[in-house]
Structure formats: C-alpha cells, structure tokens
Amino acid sequence: MKNKYRILKIAITVIILGFLLSFSLKKFGGQKITDNKISVKMNEKTPVYFIDEKDIREIVNKENPSRKVGDLNIPELEKKINALPAVDSANVYLNLNGKLNLDIKQRVPVFRLNYKGKDFYVDEKGIEFPISKTYSHPCMLVTGDVKKDEYEKLAELVDKIDKDDFSKKYFIGISKYKDSYNLLTSEGIYRVEIGDLDNIELKVKGFKTFVEKYLVFQDPQKYKMISVKHQNQIVTTLNPYFKENDSILKASHKDLVKAPVAIVKKASSTSLKPKENTKPKAVVKPKEKKKTPEKKTATKPKAKIKIE
C-alpha cells in the first residue's frame, strides 16, 4: 500500500514539473529578442572591419522576423553567418534570460593578391576571400601567377617581413615572374630576387648584410636587381638608366681586341741533303736589324657585368 502511495506521489510530482516546465518554455519562447538583448562580439586579435555589428543584427532580424525566442532557429542562423566570406567562425547561443549572444571571428588578410586582373585577399590559412567595397585592409600586395599550394608559404614570408623591423622598412610588395619571387623595395627601383620560398631567413639575412656593408654607401638608384637566390652568393644588375653607370656599362659592352696569331710554316717533307764532297759555301750573315718592340694590341679584358 505504501508503495502505491509513493508511486502516485512521484507521478503527480512529474506531472506538475512537466506542466511548470511547459509553461516556462512557452513563456520563454514567447519572449521578444529586442535590440538590447542581442550581443555581438568580434573576437579577432587584429581589428578588421569587413562586417560590423549592424550587418550581424540585420541577419538576425531577417532570419527571425517575429523576434520571438521560440521562432529562432539557432543552427540555421549560425550557418548563415559562417557562410559570409569574411567570417572565419561564428558561435551563436541563448542565455536563460533570453539574451542572444553572437561571437564572430573575421578573417584577417595576410596579403592581397592581384592575379589576372582580379584582386582578392588571402588569410593565414591560405583561404581566399573577396575585397570589400567599404573597407580596405592594409597588407602586403602580391602580383603574378601564384599557385594556391604556395599561399601558406607566402603567408609565412609576409608574416616574417611584418615581424622584422629591417624587412618591414625595405620590402613593400612581392611579385612573381615565371617561377621566381621578387621582393619590391621602398628605396630606389631595384628588386630583390629570392627565387623560391625556401630558406627565406637565410636569403633575407644575405640581403641585410649586403645593405649594411655596401648598399648604404651607394645610391639606391644604381641597381636594377639584387639577387640572393643562390646560396652564399649575391649577384647585382646595374640600372642602365643611371648616369653614373655609363662608363661601367660601356666598358662591359666593348669587344675585346683579339691578340695577334703567329703563323708557323711547316717544313717541307722532302729536304735536300748537301753533297758530302762539295765544299761548303761561305754564308753571309745578313745585317741584324734592330728589333723594335711590338706594340701590344690586346687589351686586358675587363670584368663582365650582366645587364638585363
């Protein structure tokens, strides 16, 4: 008998709790999500403004016209926000007090790529996303036929440049010609050829040494290219439009005067032997002519300078 009363009490308690829960959910679902109950947070470390709080609120209102908690489809709303090209991730959730929270992380461009006349951004993960009509993020400009599988290595290169004071001062852009990468500089017209994207730190270190020990004493307009793509070697190409290079360039293009070639006649194969019984004739020696020193016509070849 006691067990029956106990079961009955449990059943009544469950019914009452179910009723109260249903009532609470109905009341909670009927609550309005007002503007002051929507919290939008941008969580990226580097401030970017491809989307703002206003854009997110418009999406929320569009997905839930009634603004009721019960009509809000949170997974669908989260999916819509994550589909935005400039959004890296989005987390949407409700508090018990009916407050809607949206934690948004935007993509941060590492470089801007111009490829076949089209411009777009690339983030640190190597993901492309379009430029914005209302916001332009300051970052390294890259041009040329860059392959998608090179995005991550290129992003690492840009990150190293941004974090190094010396590199950040000198390098303002990157271009790719055929299979070789070039760093564009802020001084002069020269570019720094680095070849592929391997051993970047060593190549930049080589250029830094060249600058500190030599280039600081030169006019930056003197060079057209400084190549550090070869290991332990720096190759420079002069700027043909720099006036001070005229004498060097003219010397490098002069044809070397050919040295005179001595012609040696071969002796005849059938030589006549003198007769044994004949008396040798007196030989009159010709007067010795004073030897005049021959003028050297061959000039010492000068070092060649590669001019592109």
Foldseek 3Di string as FASTA:
>chain_A
DVVVVVVVVVVVVVVVVVVVVVVLVVVQQADAADPVLEAEAEDEPDDDPLDDPVNLVVLQCVQPVVRGNNSHDFVVSQVVVCPAQQWPHWDWDADSVGRIYIYTYGFDFAEWEQEPNAIWGAGLVLDTGHDHPVDDDDHAYEYDDDDSVCSNLVSVLSVVLVVDPVSVQFFRYWYDDDQWIWTATPFAQEIEIQGHSPPSVQLVVVVVVCCVPPVVVDHSNQFHYWYSNDPPDIATAGDPPDVVCVVVQVLQPDDWDDWDDDDDDDDDPDDDDDDPPDDDDDDDDDDDDDDDDDDTPTDDRDDHHDHD
